[in-house]
Amino acid sequence: MKKLPICLALILSVLLAACQRPEEAVPPPSLLPKEKMIQMLVEVHLNESRVEGAQLRADSAQALFNQLQKAMFWRYEVTDSAFWQSYRYYAVHDKDLDEMYGIVLDSLAMRKIKLQSPPAP
């Protein structure tokens, strides 16, 4: 499964949120803290990578991704609606989402470096 559909969904949600931007967006009652959102976004991208690496058919890949996401929401004790409402809120505040994704990308890059480095003797 390619990352394209999920990335397109994220981009579309950002664009829709920007088009519907009120002067001052009201935070949802279940707004997740930035730190938790960052951890979850890292995991979302790791889940995408796991599914892509499994080289499954599209329907099986989608089912696996959905299962991984469900497990992530359970582990973090967050509902999917709370996650997406928080994502949309941070997307309306472009600076917040840019800052958060900078940290997400740094975290993913560090994981990649750790995996590629040879084990210590």
N, C-alpha and C. Protein backbone atom coordinates (compact mmCIF):
# COMPACT_ATOMS: atom_id res chain seq x y z
N MET A 1 0.84 -1.18 0.00
CA MET A 1 0.00 0.00 0.00
C MET A 1 0.88 1.23 0.00
N LYS A 2 0.58 2.11 -0.83
CA LYS A 2 1.37 3.34 -0.92
C LYS A 2 0.93 4.32 0.16
N LYS A 3 1.82 5.20 0.53
CA LYS A 3 1.52 6.21 1.53
C LYS A 3 0.65 7.32 0.94
N LEU A 4 0.51 7.32 -0.36
CA LEU A 4 -0.21 8.39 -1.04
C LEU A 4 -1.62 8.60 -0.54
N PRO A 5 -2.48 7.56 -0.41
CA PRO A 5 -3.85 7.82 0.04
C PRO A 5 -3.92 8.45 1.42
N ILE A 6 -3.08 8.01 2.34
CA ILE A 6 -3.12 8.55 3.70
C ILE A 6 -2.57 9.96 3.71
N CYS A 7 -1.49 10.19 2.97
CA CYS A 7 -0.93 11.53 2.89
C CYS A 7 -1.93 12.49 2.25
N LEU A 8 -2.62 12.02 1.21
CA LEU A 8 -3.62 12.86 0.57
C LEU A 8 -4.76 13.17 1.54
N ALA A 9 -5.15 12.22 2.34
CA ALA A 9 -6.21 12.46 3.32
C ALA A 9 -5.77 13.50 4.35
N LEU A 10 -4.52 13.42 4.79
CA LEU A 10 -4.01 14.39 5.74
C LEU A 10 -3.96 15.78 5.12
N ILE A 11 -3.47 15.86 3.88
CA ILE A 11 -3.39 17.15 3.19
C ILE A 11 -4.78 17.72 2.97
N LEU A 12 -5.72 16.87 2.56
CA LEU A 12 -7.08 17.32 2.32
C LEU A 12 -7.71 17.85 3.61
N SER A 13 -7.47 17.18 4.73
CA SER A 13 -8.04 17.65 5.99
C SER A 13 -7.45 19.01 6.37
N VAL A 14 -6.15 19.21 6.08
CA VAL A 14 -5.53 20.50 6.37
C VAL A 14 -6.15 21.59 5.49
N LEU A 15 -6.32 21.28 4.20
CA LEU A 15 -6.90 22.26 3.29
C LEU A 15 -8.33 22.60 3.67
N LEU A 16 -9.12 21.59 4.02
CA LEU A 16 -10.50 21.84 4.43
C LEU A 16 -10.54 22.68 5.71
N ALA A 17 -9.66 22.37 6.62
CA ALA A 17 -9.62 23.15 7.86
C ALA A 17 -9.23 24.59 7.58
N ALA A 18 -8.30 24.78 6.65
CA ALA A 18 -7.87 26.14 6.31
C ALA A 18 -8.99 26.91 5.63
N CYS A 19 -9.76 26.24 4.79
CA CYS A 19 -10.87 26.90 4.10
C CYS A 19 -11.97 27.29 5.08
N GLN A 20 -12.11 26.55 6.14
CA GLN A 20 -13.18 26.80 7.09
C GLN A 20 -12.66 27.53 8.33
N ARG A 21 -11.51 28.13 8.23
CA ARG A 21 -10.87 28.75 9.38
C ARG A 21 -11.68 29.94 9.91
N PRO A 22 -12.16 29.83 11.13
CA PRO A 22 -12.79 31.00 11.74
C PRO A 22 -11.69 31.95 12.20
N GLU A 23 -12.06 33.13 12.57
CA GLU A 23 -11.06 34.10 13.03
C GLU A 23 -10.24 33.53 14.18
N GLU A 24 -10.92 32.95 15.13
CA GLU A 24 -10.22 32.33 16.25
C GLU A 24 -10.84 30.97 16.51
N ALA A 25 -10.12 29.92 16.13
CA ALA A 25 -10.64 28.56 16.28
C ALA A 25 -10.73 28.21 17.76
N VAL A 26 -11.84 27.63 18.11
CA VAL A 26 -12.05 27.21 19.49
C VAL A 26 -11.50 25.79 19.64
N PRO A 27 -10.64 25.57 20.64
CA PRO A 27 -10.11 24.21 20.82
C PRO A 27 -11.23 23.24 21.19
N PRO A 28 -11.15 22.03 20.64
CA PRO A 28 -12.16 21.03 21.01
C PRO A 28 -12.00 20.67 22.49
N PRO A 29 -13.08 20.22 23.11
CA PRO A 29 -12.98 19.88 24.54
C PRO A 29 -11.98 18.75 24.81
N SER A 30 -11.78 17.89 23.83
CA SER A 30 -10.87 16.76 24.02
C SER A 30 -9.53 16.98 23.31
N LEU A 31 -9.08 18.25 23.24
CA LEU A 31 -7.82 18.56 22.55
C LEU A 31 -6.66 17.81 23.20
N LEU A 32 -5.93 17.08 22.36
CA LEU A 32 -4.76 16.35 22.85
C LEU A 32 -3.58 17.30 22.98
N PRO A 33 -2.78 17.14 24.01
CA PRO A 33 -1.58 17.98 24.14
C PRO A 33 -0.63 17.72 22.95
N LYS A 34 0.14 18.74 22.62
CA LYS A 34 1.06 18.63 21.48
C LYS A 34 1.98 17.42 21.61
N GLU A 35 2.49 17.17 22.81
CA GLU A 35 3.44 16.07 23.00
C GLU A 35 2.79 14.73 22.64
N LYS A 36 1.55 14.54 23.07
CA LYS A 36 0.85 13.30 22.78
C LYS A 36 0.54 13.19 21.29
N MET A 37 0.15 14.31 20.67
CA MET A 37 -0.13 14.31 19.23
C MET A 37 1.13 13.94 18.45
N ILE A 38 2.25 14.47 18.87
CA ILE A 38 3.52 14.18 18.18
C ILE A 38 3.83 12.69 18.28
N GLN A 39 3.69 12.12 19.46
CA GLN A 39 3.95 10.68 19.63
C GLN A 39 3.02 9.86 18.74
N MET A 40 1.77 10.27 18.69
CA MET A 40 0.80 9.52 17.89
C MET A 40 1.06 9.69 16.40
N LEU A 41 1.45 10.88 15.97
CA LEU A 41 1.77 11.10 14.55
C LEU A 41 2.98 10.27 14.13
N VAL A 42 3.97 10.17 15.02
CA VAL A 42 5.12 9.31 14.73
C VAL A 42 4.63 7.88 14.53
N GLU A 43 3.77 7.43 15.41
CA GLU A 43 3.26 6.06 15.31
C GLU A 43 2.41 5.86 14.05
N VAL A 44 1.63 6.86 13.66
CA VAL A 44 0.84 6.77 12.43
C VAL A 44 1.77 6.51 11.24
N HIS A 45 2.86 7.24 11.17
CA HIS A 45 3.80 7.07 10.06
C HIS A 45 4.54 5.74 10.14
N LEU A 46 4.83 5.28 11.35
CA LEU A 46 5.45 3.96 11.50
C LEU A 46 4.47 2.87 11.07
N ASN A 47 3.20 3.05 11.39
CA ASN A 47 2.18 2.09 10.96
C ASN A 47 2.08 2.05 9.45
N GLU A 48 2.12 3.22 8.81
CA GLU A 48 2.11 3.26 7.35
C GLU A 48 3.28 2.48 6.77
N SER A 49 4.44 2.67 7.38
CA SER A 49 5.64 1.98 6.91
C SER A 49 5.54 0.47 7.09
N ARG A 50 5.00 0.05 8.22
CA ARG A 50 4.82 -1.39 8.48
C ARG A 50 3.89 -2.00 7.43
N VAL A 51 2.80 -1.32 7.16
CA VAL A 51 1.83 -1.83 6.19
C VAL A 51 2.44 -1.87 4.80
N GLU A 52 3.16 -0.83 4.44
CA GLU A 52 3.80 -0.81 3.12
C GLU A 52 4.82 -1.93 3.00
N GLY A 53 5.57 -2.18 4.08
CA GLY A 53 6.57 -3.23 4.07
C GLY A 53 5.98 -4.63 4.00
N ALA A 54 4.73 -4.77 4.41
CA ALA A 54 4.08 -6.08 4.38
C ALA A 54 3.70 -6.49 2.96
N GLN A 55 3.67 -5.55 2.05
CA GLN A 55 3.37 -5.80 0.63
C GLN A 55 2.10 -6.64 0.45
N LEU A 56 1.03 -6.16 1.05
CA LEU A 56 -0.26 -6.84 0.97
C LEU A 56 -1.11 -6.24 -0.14
N ARG A 57 -2.18 -6.94 -0.49
CA ARG A 57 -3.15 -6.37 -1.41
C ARG A 57 -3.79 -5.16 -0.75
N ALA A 58 -4.36 -4.30 -1.54
CA ALA A 58 -4.90 -3.03 -1.03
C ALA A 58 -5.91 -3.23 0.09
N ASP A 59 -6.85 -4.15 -0.08
CA ASP A 59 -7.87 -4.34 0.95
C ASP A 59 -7.28 -4.92 2.23
N SER A 60 -6.34 -5.83 2.11
CA SER A 60 -5.68 -6.41 3.28
C SER A 60 -4.80 -5.36 3.96
N ALA A 61 -4.13 -4.55 3.16
CA ALA A 61 -3.28 -3.50 3.71
C ALA A 61 -4.12 -2.49 4.49
N GLN A 62 -5.27 -2.13 3.95
CA GLN A 62 -6.15 -1.18 4.63
C GLN A 62 -6.67 -1.78 5.94
N ALA A 63 -7.01 -3.05 5.92
CA ALA A 63 -7.49 -3.72 7.14
C ALA A 63 -6.39 -3.76 8.20
N LEU A 64 -5.16 -4.06 7.79
CA LEU A 64 -4.04 -4.07 8.73
C LEU A 64 -3.80 -2.68 9.30
N PHE A 65 -3.81 -1.68 8.43
CA PHE A 65 -3.60 -0.31 8.90
C PHE A 65 -4.68 0.09 9.90
N ASN A 66 -5.92 -0.23 9.60
CA ASN A 66 -7.02 0.09 10.52
C ASN A 66 -6.84 -0.60 11.87
N GLN A 67 -6.38 -1.84 11.84
CA GLN A 67 -6.14 -2.59 13.09
C GLN A 67 -5.00 -1.95 13.89
N LEU A 68 -3.93 -1.56 13.21
CA LEU A 68 -2.81 -0.90 13.89
C LEU A 68 -3.25 0.42 14.50
N GLN A 69 -4.07 1.18 13.77
CA GLN A 69 -4.56 2.45 14.28
C GLN A 69 -5.46 2.24 15.50
N LYS A 70 -6.32 1.25 15.42
CA LYS A 70 -7.22 0.95 16.54
C LYS A 70 -6.41 0.60 17.78
N ALA A 71 -5.37 -0.21 17.60
CA ALA A 71 -4.50 -0.58 18.72
C ALA A 71 -3.78 0.65 19.29
N MET A 72 -3.36 1.55 18.40
CA MET A 72 -2.68 2.78 18.85
C MET A 72 -3.63 3.63 19.68
N PHE A 73 -4.86 3.82 19.20
CA PHE A 73 -5.82 4.63 19.95
C PHE A 73 -6.09 4.00 21.32
N TRP A 74 -6.17 2.69 21.37
CA TRP A 74 -6.41 2.00 22.63
C TRP A 74 -5.23 2.22 23.59
N ARG A 75 -3.99 2.06 23.08
CA ARG A 75 -2.79 2.23 23.90
C ARG A 75 -2.70 3.64 24.48
N TYR A 76 -3.03 4.64 23.66
CA TYR A 76 -2.95 6.02 24.12
C TYR A 76 -4.21 6.48 24.85
N GLU A 77 -5.21 5.59 24.92
CA GLU A 77 -6.47 5.90 25.57
C GLU A 77 -7.10 7.15 24.96
N VAL A 78 -7.18 7.15 23.62
CA VAL A 78 -7.70 8.27 22.84
C VAL A 78 -8.70 7.71 21.84
N THR A 79 -9.79 8.42 21.62
CA THR A 79 -10.72 8.01 20.58
C THR A 79 -10.23 8.55 19.24
N ASP A 80 -10.65 7.87 18.17
CA ASP A 80 -10.23 8.36 16.86
C ASP A 80 -10.80 9.75 16.60
N SER A 81 -12.00 10.03 17.09
CA SER A 81 -12.57 11.36 16.87
C SER A 81 -11.78 12.43 17.63
N ALA A 82 -11.32 12.13 18.84
CA ALA A 82 -10.51 13.09 19.59
C ALA A 82 -9.19 13.36 18.85
N PHE A 83 -8.61 12.30 18.28
CA PHE A 83 -7.37 12.47 17.52
C PHE A 83 -7.59 13.38 16.32
N TRP A 84 -8.65 13.10 15.54
CA TRP A 84 -8.88 13.88 14.32
C TRP A 84 -9.35 15.29 14.62
N GLN A 85 -10.12 15.48 15.68
CA GLN A 85 -10.51 16.84 16.07
C GLN A 85 -9.28 17.64 16.48
N SER A 86 -8.39 17.01 17.22
CA SER A 86 -7.14 17.68 17.62
C SER A 86 -6.28 17.97 16.40
N TYR A 87 -6.20 17.02 15.48
CA TYR A 87 -5.41 17.23 14.27
C TYR A 87 -5.96 18.44 13.49
N ARG A 88 -7.27 18.49 13.32
CA ARG A 88 -7.88 19.62 12.59
C ARG A 88 -7.62 20.95 13.31
N TYR A 89 -7.71 20.95 14.63
CA TYR A 89 -7.44 22.17 15.39
C TYR A 89 -6.01 22.64 15.15
N TYR A 90 -5.06 21.72 15.28
CA TYR A 90 -3.66 22.10 15.06
C TYR A 90 -3.41 22.48 13.60
N ALA A 91 -4.15 21.89 12.68
CA ALA A 91 -3.99 22.23 11.26
C ALA A 91 -4.45 23.66 10.99
N VAL A 92 -5.49 24.10 11.70
CA VAL A 92 -5.97 25.48 11.53
C VAL A 92 -4.89 26.45 12.02
N HIS A 93 -4.16 26.04 13.03
CA HIS A 93 -3.05 26.84 13.54
C HIS A 93 -1.77 26.33 12.87
N ASP A 94 -1.58 26.74 11.64
CA ASP A 94 -0.50 26.21 10.79
C ASP A 94 0.85 26.13 11.48
N LYS A 95 1.19 27.15 12.23
CA LYS A 95 2.48 27.18 12.89
C LYS A 95 2.63 26.00 13.85
N ASP A 96 1.55 25.68 14.57
CA ASP A 96 1.59 24.55 15.51
C ASP A 96 1.85 23.24 14.78
N LEU A 97 1.11 22.99 13.70
CA LEU A 97 1.27 21.73 12.98
C LEU A 97 2.64 21.64 12.32
N ASP A 98 3.13 22.76 11.77
CA ASP A 98 4.47 22.76 11.18
C ASP A 98 5.53 22.42 12.22
N GLU A 99 5.40 23.03 13.39
CA GLU A 99 6.34 22.76 14.48
C GLU A 99 6.27 21.29 14.91
N MET A 100 5.06 20.79 15.02
CA MET A 100 4.87 19.40 15.44
C MET A 100 5.44 18.44 14.41
N TYR A 101 5.18 18.70 13.12
CA TYR A 101 5.70 17.80 12.09
C TYR A 101 7.22 17.89 11.97
N GLY A 102 7.81 19.01 12.32
CA GLY A 102 9.27 19.09 12.38
C GLY A 102 9.82 18.10 13.38
N ILE A 103 9.18 18.01 14.54
CA ILE A 103 9.59 17.07 15.58
C ILE A 103 9.32 15.63 15.14
N VAL A 104 8.18 15.41 14.49
CA VAL A 104 7.85 14.07 13.99
C VAL A 104 8.92 13.60 13.01
N LEU A 105 9.28 14.47 12.07
CA LEU A 105 10.30 14.09 11.07
C LEU A 105 11.65 13.83 11.73
N ASP A 106 12.02 14.65 12.71
CA ASP A 106 13.28 14.43 13.43
C ASP A 106 13.25 13.09 14.16
N SER A 107 12.13 12.76 14.78
CA SER A 107 12.01 11.49 15.50
C SER A 107 12.13 10.30 14.55
N LEU A 108 11.47 10.41 13.40
CA LEU A 108 11.55 9.32 12.42
C LEU A 108 12.97 9.19 11.86
N ALA A 109 13.63 10.31 11.63
CA ALA A 109 15.01 10.28 11.13
C ALA A 109 15.94 9.63 12.15
N MET A 110 15.75 9.94 13.44
CA MET A 110 16.58 9.34 14.48
C MET A 110 16.36 7.83 14.56
N ARG A 111 15.11 7.40 14.41
CA ARG A 111 14.82 5.95 14.42
C ARG A 111 15.51 5.27 13.24
N LYS A 112 15.51 5.92 12.11
CA LYS A 112 16.14 5.35 10.92
C LYS A 112 17.65 5.22 11.14
N ILE A 113 18.25 6.23 11.72
CA ILE A 113 19.70 6.19 11.99
C ILE A 113 20.03 5.07 12.96
N LYS A 114 19.20 4.92 14.01
CA LYS A 114 19.42 3.84 14.99
C LYS A 114 19.34 2.47 14.34
N LEU A 115 18.39 2.31 13.42
CA LEU A 115 18.22 1.01 12.76
C LEU A 115 19.36 0.72 11.79
N GLN A 116 19.93 1.75 11.21
CA GLN A 116 20.98 1.55 10.22
C GLN A 116 22.37 1.44 10.83
N SER A 117 22.54 1.87 12.07
CA SER A 117 23.86 1.82 12.68
C SER A 117 24.18 0.37 13.10
N PRO A 118 25.44 -0.01 12.94
CA PRO A 118 25.81 -1.39 13.31
C PRO A 118 25.73 -1.57 14.83
N PRO A 119 25.41 -2.78 15.27
CA PRO A 119 25.32 -3.03 16.71
C PRO A 119 26.69 -2.88 17.38
N ALA A 120 26.68 -2.45 18.61
CA ALA A 120 27.93 -2.28 19.36
C ALA A 120 28.50 -3.65 19.69
N PRO A 121 29.84 -3.80 19.58
CA PRO A 121 30.47 -5.10 19.88
C PRO A 121 30.44 -5.46 21.32
